[in-house]
Each structure stands twice: as C-alpha cells, then as structure tokens.
Amino acid sequence: MSTTHDAHGTADWQVPAYAVNAFRPKQSRYCVCIFVINEGEKIKKQLRNMQELSKTIDVIIADGGSTDGSLAPEIIKPLGVHTLLTKTGPGKLSAQMRMAFAYAMKQGYDGVITIDGNGKDDPSAIPDFVKALDDGFDHIQGSRFIPGGKSVNLPFSRWFGITFIHAPLISIASRFRYTDTTNGFRAYSKQLLLDKNVAPFRDIFSHYELHYYMAIRAARLGFKVKELPVTRQYPSDGPIPTKISPLKGNFLVLRTLFAACAGRFNP
C-alpha cells in the first residue's frame, strides 16, 4: 500500500512510504535527485565528483532500500548530500521517482534534475540543465548521441535497441525527435510535475513507466522540451552496471515501452 502525502493541497497524490534524513536547510532553487540501490563504491565516487556542484545546488539521494551500508549518514553527509530519502513502501524506479518528486515539490523546489547513481554519467552537465530550467524548459532529456554528447563503451545491443527501437517509438508517440530515451539524466520543471493532465503521482508508475511516460506526455501536451548533450560511460570490462536483467528485465522494458506509446498511462 502507498501512503498519501498532501503536497500543495494535492491530497490524492499516491507516493510510497519513505523516511527523510535532511542534513541541512534548502539552499537552492533546483535540486539534483540521485536514484540509488546498493551501488557501493560507485555512489561514493560519484558524490565525490559532485562535491563542488553540491555547494550551489541541493543534492538529494532517493534510495530504493540499499542494504550495503554505502549510504550511511556519516559517509554521505561530508560528501555534500543535502537529504537522504529512503523508500520503505513498494515499487522500484518509478516509485523512487514519485518519492523524490513529491518531496521536492513539498520543499518548494522549482525543478528537479535526475541522474542515476551508478557512476555512468558525467555530472559536469548539471549546470546546463539548470540553465535550461531557467530558460523555461519543462522536460530536458540528456543525450549522448547529439553534437557535444559522448558515448563511451556502450554495448552494441544497447546502442541498437535505443537507436532502432526505443527512441524511434517514443519519438513517434511524443511527436518530438528524441535520440536517447533510456538515459536517466534529465530535468523536470515544477509546472510539468504539478500539472493535473500529467499526474505523475499515481501507483501505476512502479518500474520504468514514468521515464517513458513523462517524455511522451510532456511533448504531447505542449510543454517546452529539448535534449542536452551529456557523457555516459560504461566500464571497459566486467559486468554492465544495470538493474535490468537480460530476459525478464528487457521484456518488461519493451512491454512498458509499448504501453507508454499507446497512451495507457495517461490520466
């Protein structure tokens, strides 16, 4: 069961239960939300790389329920983390996103920048997302495939799926040309998140639905949408850093993709 959080008079939001550990008061107009579950040394390295940025923008960790000890307050607080949110209710990535977005809206942030916590993304692009939000954009998609972007060690199967299946389908459904629709480095304006015709705070969003839905819905409703160049790097050897299993996980991704493109998540 999800708990209902009343944010800005919106008592019907469906948000998973979560715990809040805030280390310092709100200090910026926007926040960066990092989605994490058992990332170990990768999240520590990422936070060290973001320490200078954390002086100008609040860094919020949205934890899906890590058990590896990597998010202990005594570890992450000195690394510039503003708040640790720990999901205790059901759901996976989209539930973490609803948790983070609901908290950010309740705290009065004007926009949310999202980034994965597995160390694949170069956080130096965060100021570019801030500028795009300042310029009035509502959904900003990071892309490694546009001029200025960089893709390093991307497995061929991933490149093929993004280039010939995922991005084309979402582009057709949204009527906006996207190139990197599986990339979680994005930004969302307050106006988009609070729009009743978007309605992201619903239990139907549990796994990967919200990423795909927001890209489509924002463009179809006429919100200002753009892509920004980013760098995403996979390790040169060893296992691919992902929570998506080869068979069941990829089947779920495709099923969710088709449902989002068919408008099945629309309110």
C-alpha atoms as a PDB file:
ATOM      1  CA  MET A   1       0.000   0.000   0.000  1.00  0.00           C
ATOM      2  CA  SER A   2       1.126   3.543  -0.714  1.00  0.00           C
ATOM      3  CA  THR A   3       0.781   6.341   1.738  1.00  0.00           C
ATOM      4  CA  THR A   4      -0.889   9.549   0.611  1.00  0.00           C
ATOM      5  CA  HIS A   5       1.091  12.763   1.048  1.00  0.00           C
ATOM      6  CA  ASP A   6      -0.648  16.116   0.940  1.00  0.00           C
ATOM      7  CA  ALA A   7       1.554  18.479  -1.084  1.00  0.00           C
ATOM      8  CA  HIS A   8       0.363  21.966  -2.024  1.00  0.00           C
ATOM      9  CA  GLY A   9      -3.232  20.885  -1.326  1.00  0.00           C
ATOM     10  CA  THR A  10      -2.985  17.808  -3.543  1.00  0.00           C
ATOM     11  CA  ALA A  11      -4.224  15.158  -1.130  1.00  0.00           C
ATOM     12  CA  ASP A  12      -4.771  12.499  -3.793  1.00  0.00           C
ATOM     13  CA  TRP A  13      -1.097  12.012  -4.620  1.00  0.00           C
ATOM     14  CA  GLN A  14      -0.035   8.370  -4.373  1.00  0.00           C
ATOM     15  CA  VAL A  15       3.500   8.201  -3.013  1.00  0.00           C
ATOM     16  CA  PRO A  16       5.268   5.199  -1.456  1.00  0.00           C
ATOM     17  CA  ALA A  17       6.098   5.402   2.227  1.00  0.00           C
ATOM     18  CA  TYR A  18       9.573   6.780   2.836  1.00  0.00           C
ATOM     19  CA  ALA A  19      11.889   8.098   5.530  1.00  0.00           C
ATOM     20  CA  VAL A  20      13.575  11.511   5.382  1.00  0.00           C
ATOM     21  CA  ASN A  21      17.021  12.334   6.733  1.00  0.00           C
ATOM     22  CA  ALA A  22      17.711  16.013   5.972  1.00  0.00           C
ATOM     23  CA  PHE A  23      21.213  17.216   6.791  1.00  0.00           C
ATOM     24  CA  ARG A  24      20.858  20.936   6.031  1.00  0.00           C
ATOM     25  CA  PRO A  25      18.186  23.530   5.082  1.00  0.00           C
ATOM     26  CA  LYS A  26      17.069  24.073   1.481  1.00  0.00           C
ATOM     27  CA  GLN A  27      19.541  26.411  -0.239  1.00  0.00           C
ATOM     28  CA  SER A  28      18.854  26.306  -3.987  1.00  0.00           C
ATOM     29  CA  ARG A  29      16.041  26.831  -6.476  1.00  0.00           C
ATOM     30  CA  TYR A  30      16.504  23.382  -8.026  1.00  0.00           C
ATOM     31  CA  CYS A  31      17.659  20.044  -6.671  1.00  0.00           C
ATOM     32  CA  VAL A  32      19.510  17.056  -8.102  1.00  0.00           C
ATOM     33  CA  CYS A  33      17.946  13.688  -7.268  1.00  0.00           C
ATOM     34  CA  ILE A  34      20.185  10.629  -7.483  1.00  0.00           C
ATOM     35  CA  PHE A  35      18.467   7.241  -7.731  1.00  0.00           C
ATOM     36  CA  VAL A  36      20.373   4.546  -5.883  1.00  0.00           C
ATOM     37  CA  ILE A  37      20.103   0.966  -4.701  1.00  0.00           C
ATOM     38  CA  ASN A  38      23.181  -0.899  -3.481  1.00  0.00           C
ATOM     39  CA  GLU A  39      25.699   0.995  -5.604  1.00  0.00           C
ATOM     40  CA  GLY A  40      28.572   0.606  -3.125  1.00  0.00           C
ATOM     41  CA  GLU A  41      31.748   2.414  -4.088  1.00  0.00           C
ATOM     42  CA  LYS A  42      30.197   3.774  -7.306  1.00  0.00           C
ATOM     43  CA  ILE A  43      27.885   6.179  -5.456  1.00  0.00           C
ATOM     44  CA  LYS A  44      30.677   7.325  -3.154  1.00  0.00           C
ATOM     45  CA  LYS A  45      32.885   8.136  -6.146  1.00  0.00           C
ATOM     46  CA  GLN A  46      30.014   9.923  -7.862  1.00  0.00           C
ATOM     47  CA  LEU A  47      29.309  12.052  -4.799  1.00  0.00           C
ATOM     48  CA  ARG A  48      32.975  12.992  -4.553  1.00  0.00           C
ATOM     49  CA  ASN A  49      32.822  14.111  -8.187  1.00  0.00           C
ATOM     50  CA  MET A  50      29.757  16.223  -7.368  1.00  0.00           C
ATOM     51  CA  GLN A  51      31.075  17.894  -4.201  1.00  0.00           C
ATOM     52  CA  GLU A  52      31.847  21.220  -5.872  1.00  0.00           C
ATOM     53  CA  LEU A  53      28.392  21.261  -7.508  1.00  0.00           C
ATOM     54  CA  SER A  54      26.728  20.487  -4.180  1.00  0.00           C
ATOM     55  CA  LYS A  55      27.811  23.932  -2.953  1.00  0.00           C
ATOM     56  CA  THR A  56      25.365  25.569  -5.378  1.00  0.00           C
ATOM     57  CA  ILE A  57      22.558  23.014  -5.807  1.00  0.00           C
ATOM     58  CA  ASP A  58      20.936  20.689  -3.273  1.00  0.00           C
ATOM     59  CA  VAL A  59      21.796  17.006  -3.765  1.00  0.00           C
ATOM     60  CA  ILE A  60      19.101  14.544  -2.740  1.00  0.00           C
ATOM     61  CA  ILE A  61      19.602  10.787  -2.719  1.00  0.00           C
ATOM     62  CA  ALA A  62      16.479   8.730  -3.472  1.00  0.00           C
ATOM     63  CA  ASP A  63      17.318   5.296  -2.119  1.00  0.00           C
ATOM     64  CA  GLY A  64      15.281   2.273  -3.132  1.00  0.00           C
ATOM     65  CA  GLY A  65      16.256   0.373   0.015  1.00  0.00           C
ATOM     66  CA  SER A  66      20.019  -0.182  -0.063  1.00  0.00           C
ATOM     67  CA  THR A  67      21.478  -2.768   2.299  1.00  0.00           C
ATOM     68  CA  ASP A  68      25.183  -2.400   1.513  1.00  0.00           C
ATOM     69  CA  GLY A  69      25.912   0.384   4.013  1.00  0.00           C
ATOM     70  CA  SER A  70      27.082   2.799   1.312  1.00  0.00           C
ATOM     71  CA  LEU A  71      24.515   5.464   2.278  1.00  0.00           C
ATOM     72  CA  ALA A  72      25.286   5.729   5.976  1.00  0.00           C
ATOM     73  CA  PRO A  73      24.841   9.377   7.058  1.00  0.00           C
ATOM     74  CA  GLU A  74      28.415   9.601   8.321  1.00  0.00           C
ATOM     75  CA  ILE A  75      29.582   8.686   4.799  1.00  0.00           C
ATOM     76  CA  ILE A  76      27.329  10.789   2.581  1.00  0.00           C
ATOM     77  CA  LYS A  77      26.843  13.941   4.672  1.00  0.00           C
ATOM     78  CA  PRO A  78      30.515  15.030   4.369  1.00  0.00           C
ATOM     79  CA  LEU A  79      30.263  14.415   0.612  1.00  0.00           C
ATOM     80  CA  GLY A  80      27.743  17.234   0.199  1.00  0.00           C
ATOM     81  CA  VAL A  81      24.432  15.356   0.314  1.00  0.00           C
ATOM     82  CA  HIS A  82      21.545  17.577   1.364  1.00  0.00           C
ATOM     83  CA  THR A  83      18.901  14.929   2.080  1.00  0.00           C
ATOM     84  CA  LEU A  84      18.623  11.149   2.079  1.00  0.00           C
ATOM     85  CA  LEU A  85      15.205   9.740   1.169  1.00  0.00           C
ATOM     86  CA  THR A  86      14.751   6.036   1.845  1.00  0.00           C
ATOM     87  CA  LYS A  87      11.781   4.293   0.249  1.00  0.00           C
ATOM     88  CA  THR A  88      10.107   1.859   2.654  1.00  0.00           C
ATOM     89  CA  GLY A  89       6.989   1.245   0.561  1.00  0.00           C
ATOM     90  CA  PRO A  90       6.587  -0.920  -2.549  1.00  0.00           C
ATOM     91  CA  GLY A  91       7.814  -0.338  -6.084  1.00  0.00           C
ATOM     92  CA  LYS A  92      11.056   0.103  -7.969  1.00  0.00           C
ATOM     93  CA  LEU A  93      12.500   3.005 -10.020  1.00  0.00           C
ATOM     94  CA  SER A  94       9.248   4.856 -10.767  1.00  0.00           C
ATOM     95  CA  ALA A  95       8.277   4.595  -7.105  1.00  0.00           C
ATOM     96  CA  GLN A  96      11.631   6.135  -6.178  1.00  0.00           C
ATOM     97  CA  MET A  97      10.932   8.893  -8.690  1.00  0.00           C
ATOM     98  CA  ARG A  98       7.483   9.612  -7.231  1.00  0.00           C
ATOM     99  CA  MET A  99       9.040   9.755  -3.777  1.00  0.00           C
ATOM    100  CA  ALA A 100      11.746  12.189  -4.905  1.00  0.00           C
ATOM    101  CA  PHE A 101       9.400  14.397  -6.926  1.00  0.00           C
ATOM    102  CA  ALA A 102       6.832  14.591  -4.137  1.00  0.00           C
ATOM    103  CA  TYR A 103       9.479  15.553  -1.592  1.00  0.00           C
ATOM    104  CA  ALA A 104      10.968  18.158  -3.940  1.00  0.00           C
ATOM    105  CA  MET A 105       7.576  19.735  -4.603  1.00  0.00           C
ATOM    106  CA  LYS A 106       6.723  19.815  -0.885  1.00  0.00           C
ATOM    107  CA  GLN A 107      10.059  21.553  -0.219  1.00  0.00           C
ATOM    108  CA  GLY A 108       9.301  24.216  -2.825  1.00  0.00           C
ATOM    109  CA  TYR A 109      11.895  23.449  -5.490  1.00  0.00           C
ATOM    110  CA  ASP A 110      11.153  24.912  -8.925  1.00  0.00           C
ATOM    111  CA  GLY A 111      12.564  21.922 -10.769  1.00  0.00           C
ATOM    112  CA  VAL A 112      14.262  18.571 -10.355  1.00  0.00           C
ATOM    113  CA  ILE A 113      17.336  17.243 -12.159  1.00  0.00           C
ATOM    114  CA  THR A 114      17.650  13.449 -12.118  1.00  0.00           C
ATOM    115  CA  ILE A 115      20.737  11.302 -12.510  1.00  0.00           C
ATOM    116  CA  ASP A 116      21.493   7.636 -11.885  1.00  0.00           C
ATOM    117  CA  GLY A 117      23.753   6.694  -9.001  1.00  0.00           C
ATOM    118  CA  ASN A 118      25.784   4.025 -10.772  1.00  0.00           C
ATOM    119  CA  GLY A 119      28.578   6.333 -11.902  1.00  0.00           C
ATOM    120  CA  LYS A 120      27.938   6.137 -15.670  1.00  0.00           C
ATOM    121  CA  ASP A 121      27.003   9.819 -16.083  1.00  0.00           C
ATOM    122  CA  ASP A 122      29.324  12.821 -16.060  1.00  0.00           C
ATOM    123  CA  PRO A 123      27.719  15.245 -13.579  1.00  0.00           C
ATOM    124  CA  SER A 124      29.529  18.254 -15.051  1.00  0.00           C
ATOM    125  CA  ALA A 125      26.482  18.753 -17.321  1.00  0.00           C
ATOM    126  CA  ILE A 126      24.252  19.630 -14.349  1.00  0.00           C
ATOM    127  CA  PRO A 127      24.738  23.423 -14.778  1.00  0.00           C
ATOM    128  CA  ASP A 128      23.472  23.066 -18.362  1.00  0.00           C
ATOM    129  CA  PHE A 129      20.250  21.512 -17.041  1.00  0.00           C
ATOM    130  CA  VAL A 130      19.931  24.355 -14.530  1.00  0.00           C
ATOM    131  CA  LYS A 131      20.243  26.888 -17.340  1.00  0.00           C
ATOM    132  CA  ALA A 132      17.625  25.062 -19.422  1.00  0.00           C
ATOM    133  CA  LEU A 133      15.206  25.140 -16.486  1.00  0.00           C
ATOM    134  CA  ASP A 134      15.962  28.843 -16.015  1.00  0.00           C
ATOM    135  CA  ASP A 135      15.188  29.342 -19.721  1.00  0.00           C
ATOM    136  CA  GLY A 136      11.716  27.898 -19.229  1.00  0.00           C
ATOM    137  CA  PHE A 137      12.113  24.336 -20.472  1.00  0.00           C
ATOM    138  CA  ASP A 138       9.962  21.737 -18.744  1.00  0.00           C
ATOM    139  CA  HIS A 139      11.350  18.365 -19.841  1.00  0.00           C
ATOM    140  CA  ILE A 140      15.050  18.193 -20.610  1.00  0.00           C
ATOM    141  CA  GLN A 141      16.467  14.901 -21.868  1.00  0.00           C
ATOM    142  CA  GLY A 142      20.178  14.219 -21.689  1.00  0.00           C
ATOM    143  CA  SER A 143      21.562  12.634 -24.840  1.00  0.00           C
ATOM    144  CA  ARG A 144      24.950  11.140 -25.612  1.00  0.00           C
ATOM    145  CA  PHE A 145      24.036  10.975 -29.311  1.00  0.00           C
ATOM    146  CA  ILE A 146      23.660  14.661 -30.217  1.00  0.00           C
ATOM    147  CA  PRO A 147      26.502  17.087 -31.013  1.00  0.00           C
ATOM    148  CA  GLY A 148      28.519  17.656 -27.860  1.00  0.00           C
ATOM    149  CA  GLY A 149      27.410  14.379 -26.304  1.00  0.00           C
ATOM    150  CA  LYS A 150      29.694  11.429 -25.787  1.00  0.00           C
ATOM    151  CA  SER A 151      29.023   7.688 -25.524  1.00  0.00           C
ATOM    152  CA  VAL A 152      31.841   5.514 -24.189  1.00  0.00           C
ATOM    153  CA  ASN A 153      31.899   1.695 -24.266  1.00  0.00           C
ATOM    154  CA  LEU A 154      28.175   1.394 -24.940  1.00  0.00           C
ATOM    155  CA  PRO A 155      27.398  -2.283 -25.654  1.00  0.00           C
ATOM    156  CA  PHE A 156      26.234  -2.867 -29.218  1.00  0.00           C
ATOM    157  CA  SER A 157      22.947  -4.438 -28.115  1.00  0.00           C
ATOM    158  CA  ARG A 158      22.113  -1.334 -26.058  1.00  0.00           C
ATOM    159  CA  TRP A 159      23.000   1.011 -28.916  1.00  0.00           C
ATOM    160  CA  PHE A 160      20.881  -0.991 -31.349  1.00  0.00           C
ATOM    161  CA  GLY A 161      17.868  -1.093 -29.029  1.00  0.00           C
ATOM    162  CA  ILE A 162      17.990   2.635 -28.295  1.00  0.00           C
ATOM    163  CA  THR A 163      18.654   3.724 -31.881  1.00  0.00           C
ATOM    164  CA  PHE A 164      16.240   1.481 -33.749  1.00  0.00           C
ATOM    165  CA  ILE A 165      13.503   0.618 -31.241  1.00  0.00           C
ATOM    166  CA  HIS A 166      13.259   2.733 -28.110  1.00  0.00           C
ATOM    167  CA  ALA A 167      13.977   6.261 -29.335  1.00  0.00           C
ATOM    168  CA  PRO A 168      12.003   5.950 -32.599  1.00  0.00           C
ATOM    169  CA  LEU A 169       8.886   4.645 -30.839  1.00  0.00           C
ATOM    170  CA  ILE A 170       8.926   7.353 -28.172  1.00  0.00           C
ATOM    171  CA  SER A 171       9.631   9.978 -30.834  1.00  0.00           C
ATOM    172  CA  ILE A 172       6.604   8.859 -32.846  1.00  0.00           C
ATOM    173  CA  ALA A 173       4.358   8.748 -29.782  1.00  0.00           C
ATOM    174  CA  SER A 174       5.526  12.140 -28.475  1.00  0.00           C
ATOM    175  CA  ARG A 175       5.846  13.878 -31.865  1.00  0.00           C
ATOM    176  CA  PHE A 176       9.248  15.129 -30.721  1.00  0.00           C
ATOM    177  CA  ARG A 177      12.572  13.849 -32.040  1.00  0.00           C
ATOM    178  CA  TYR A 178      14.332  12.110 -29.153  1.00  0.00           C
ATOM    179  CA  THR A 179      17.666  10.304 -29.559  1.00  0.00           C
ATOM    180  CA  ASP A 180      18.485   8.840 -26.117  1.00  0.00           C
ATOM    181  CA  THR A 181      15.270   7.812 -24.382  1.00  0.00           C
ATOM    182  CA  THR A 182      16.745   5.300 -21.917  1.00  0.00           C
ATOM    183  CA  ASN A 183      19.073   7.912 -20.432  1.00  0.00           C
ATOM    184  CA  GLY A 184      18.021   8.833 -16.889  1.00  0.00           C
ATOM    185  CA  PHE A 185      19.943  12.136 -16.883  1.00  0.00           C
ATOM    186  CA  ARG A 186      17.006  14.542 -17.192  1.00  0.00           C
ATOM    187  CA  ALA A 187      15.263  17.537 -15.690  1.00  0.00           C
ATOM    188  CA  TYR A 188      11.624  18.337 -14.956  1.00  0.00           C
ATOM    189  CA  SER A 189      10.039  21.694 -14.157  1.00  0.00           C
ATOM    190  CA  LYS A 190       7.620  22.241 -11.298  1.00  0.00           C
ATOM    191  CA  GLN A 191       4.946  23.210 -13.822  1.00  0.00           C
ATOM    192  CA  LEU A 192       5.243  19.822 -15.524  1.00  0.00           C
ATOM    193  CA  LEU A 193       5.269  17.793 -12.312  1.00  0.00           C
ATOM    194  CA  LEU A 194       2.244  19.580 -10.848  1.00  0.00           C
ATOM    195  CA  ASP A 195       0.103  19.623 -13.992  1.00  0.00           C
ATOM    196  CA  LYS A 196      -3.133  17.670 -13.443  1.00  0.00           C
ATOM    197  CA  ASN A 197      -3.047  16.441 -17.036  1.00  0.00           C
ATOM    198  CA  VAL A 198       0.326  14.843 -16.351  1.00  0.00           C
ATOM    199  CA  ALA A 199      -0.443  13.498 -12.854  1.00  0.00           C
ATOM    200  CA  PRO A 200       2.804  11.617 -12.169  1.00  0.00           C
ATOM    201  CA  PHE A 201       1.861  10.754  -8.591  1.00  0.00           C
ATOM    202  CA  ARG A 202      -0.052   7.555  -9.308  1.00  0.00           C
ATOM    203  CA  ASP A 203       0.637   3.979  -8.223  1.00  0.00           C
ATOM    204  CA  ILE A 204       0.524   2.838 -11.850  1.00  0.00           C
ATOM    205  CA  PHE A 205       4.112   4.112 -12.057  1.00  0.00           C
ATOM    206  CA  SER A 206       6.190   1.463 -10.323  1.00  0.00           C
ATOM    207  CA  HIS A 207       9.020   0.170 -12.546  1.00  0.00           C
ATOM    208  CA  TYR A 208      10.224   2.021 -15.686  1.00  0.00           C
ATOM    209  CA  GLU A 209       6.905   3.566 -16.706  1.00  0.00           C
ATOM    210  CA  LEU A 210       7.488   7.121 -15.509  1.00  0.00           C
ATOM    211  CA  HIS A 211      10.641   7.761 -17.552  1.00  0.00           C
ATOM    212  CA  TYR A 212       8.913   6.846 -20.797  1.00  0.00           C
ATOM    213  CA  TYR A 213       5.558   8.415 -19.942  1.00  0.00           C
ATOM    214  CA  MET A 214       6.985  11.809 -18.975  1.00  0.00           C
ATOM    215  CA  ALA A 215       8.985  12.112 -22.205  1.00  0.00           C
ATOM    216  CA  ILE A 216       5.879  11.422 -24.269  1.00  0.00           C
ATOM    217  CA  ARG A 217       3.322  13.302 -22.203  1.00  0.00           C
ATOM    218  CA  ALA A 218       5.371  16.490 -21.856  1.00  0.00           C
ATOM    219  CA  ALA A 219       5.776  16.884 -25.596  1.00  0.00           C
ATOM    220  CA  ARG A 220       2.210  15.902 -26.449  1.00  0.00           C
ATOM    221  CA  LEU A 221       0.781  18.466 -24.014  1.00  0.00           C
ATOM    222  CA  GLY A 222       2.876  21.263 -25.484  1.00  0.00           C
ATOM    223  CA  PHE A 223       5.405  21.716 -22.696  1.00  0.00           C
ATOM    224  CA  LYS A 224       8.826  23.030 -23.698  1.00  0.00           C
ATOM    225  CA  VAL A 225      11.057  20.028 -24.418  1.00  0.00           C
ATOM    226  CA  LYS A 226      14.683  19.761 -25.512  1.00  0.00           C
ATOM    227  CA  GLU A 227      17.703  17.460 -25.451  1.00  0.00           C
ATOM    228  CA  LEU A 228      21.066  18.404 -23.957  1.00  0.00           C
ATOM    229  CA  PRO A 229      24.429  16.773 -24.693  1.00  0.00           C
ATOM    230  CA  VAL A 230      25.795  14.577 -21.905  1.00  0.00           C
ATOM    231  CA  THR A 231      28.517  11.980 -21.461  1.00  0.00           C
ATOM    232  CA  ARG A 232      27.665   8.419 -20.407  1.00  0.00           C
ATOM    233  CA  GLN A 233      30.448   5.895 -19.932  1.00  0.00           C
ATOM    234  CA  TYR A 234      30.211   2.141 -19.422  1.00  0.00           C
ATOM    235  CA  PRO A 235      33.177   0.259 -17.937  1.00  0.00           C
ATOM    236  CA  SER A 236      35.616  -1.177 -20.463  1.00  0.00           C
ATOM    237  CA  ASP A 237      35.397  -4.616 -18.873  1.00  0.00           C
ATOM    238  CA  GLY A 238      33.381  -6.500 -16.282  1.00  0.00           C
ATOM    239  CA  PRO A 239      29.589  -6.678 -15.931  1.00  0.00           C
ATOM    240  CA  ILE A 240      27.334  -3.965 -17.366  1.00  0.00           C
ATOM    241  CA  PRO A 241      26.173  -1.676 -14.498  1.00  0.00           C
ATOM    242  CA  THR A 242      22.409  -2.120 -14.734  1.00  0.00           C
ATOM    243  CA  LYS A 243      19.467  -3.382 -12.706  1.00  0.00           C
ATOM    244  CA  ILE A 244      17.731  -4.724 -15.855  1.00  0.00           C
ATOM    245  CA  SER A 245      18.029  -8.500 -16.200  1.00  0.00           C
ATOM    246  CA  PRO A 246      18.741  -9.818 -19.728  1.00  0.00           C
ATOM    247  CA  LEU A 247      15.458 -11.675 -20.260  1.00  0.00           C
ATOM    248  CA  LYS A 248      12.764 -10.730 -17.755  1.00  0.00           C
ATOM    249  CA  GLY A 249      14.024  -7.183 -17.381  1.00  0.00           C
ATOM    250  CA  ASN A 250      14.257  -6.448 -21.088  1.00  0.00           C
ATOM    251  CA  PHE A 251      10.834  -7.988 -21.677  1.00  0.00           C
ATOM    252  CA  LEU A 252       9.401  -5.667 -19.028  1.00  0.00           C
ATOM    253  CA  VAL A 253      11.126  -2.683 -20.663  1.00  0.00           C
ATOM    254  CA  LEU A 254       9.595  -3.488 -24.045  1.00  0.00           C
ATOM    255  CA  ARG A 255       6.146  -4.138 -22.606  1.00  0.00           C
ATOM    256  CA  THR A 256       6.285  -0.854 -20.699  1.00  0.00           C
ATOM    257  CA  LEU A 257       7.545   0.996 -23.771  1.00  0.00           C
ATOM    258  CA  PHE A 258       4.655  -0.241 -25.912  1.00  0.00           C
ATOM    259  CA  ALA A 259       2.132   0.635 -23.186  1.00  0.00           C
ATOM    260  CA  ALA A 260       3.542   4.161 -22.795  1.00  0.00           C
ATOM    261  CA  CYS A 261       3.484   4.754 -26.545  1.00  0.00           C
ATOM    262  CA  ALA A 262      -0.120   3.541 -26.676  1.00  0.00           C
ATOM    263  CA  GLY A 263      -1.138   6.118 -24.066  1.00  0.00           C
ATOM    264  CA  ARG A 264      -2.103   3.557 -21.417  1.00  0.00           C
ATOM    265  CA  PHE A 265      -0.618   5.622 -18.571  1.00  0.00           C
ATOM    266  CA  ASN A 266      -2.487   8.828 -19.446  1.00  0.00           C
ATOM    267  CA  PRO A 267      -4.760  10.073 -16.639  1.00  0.00           C
END
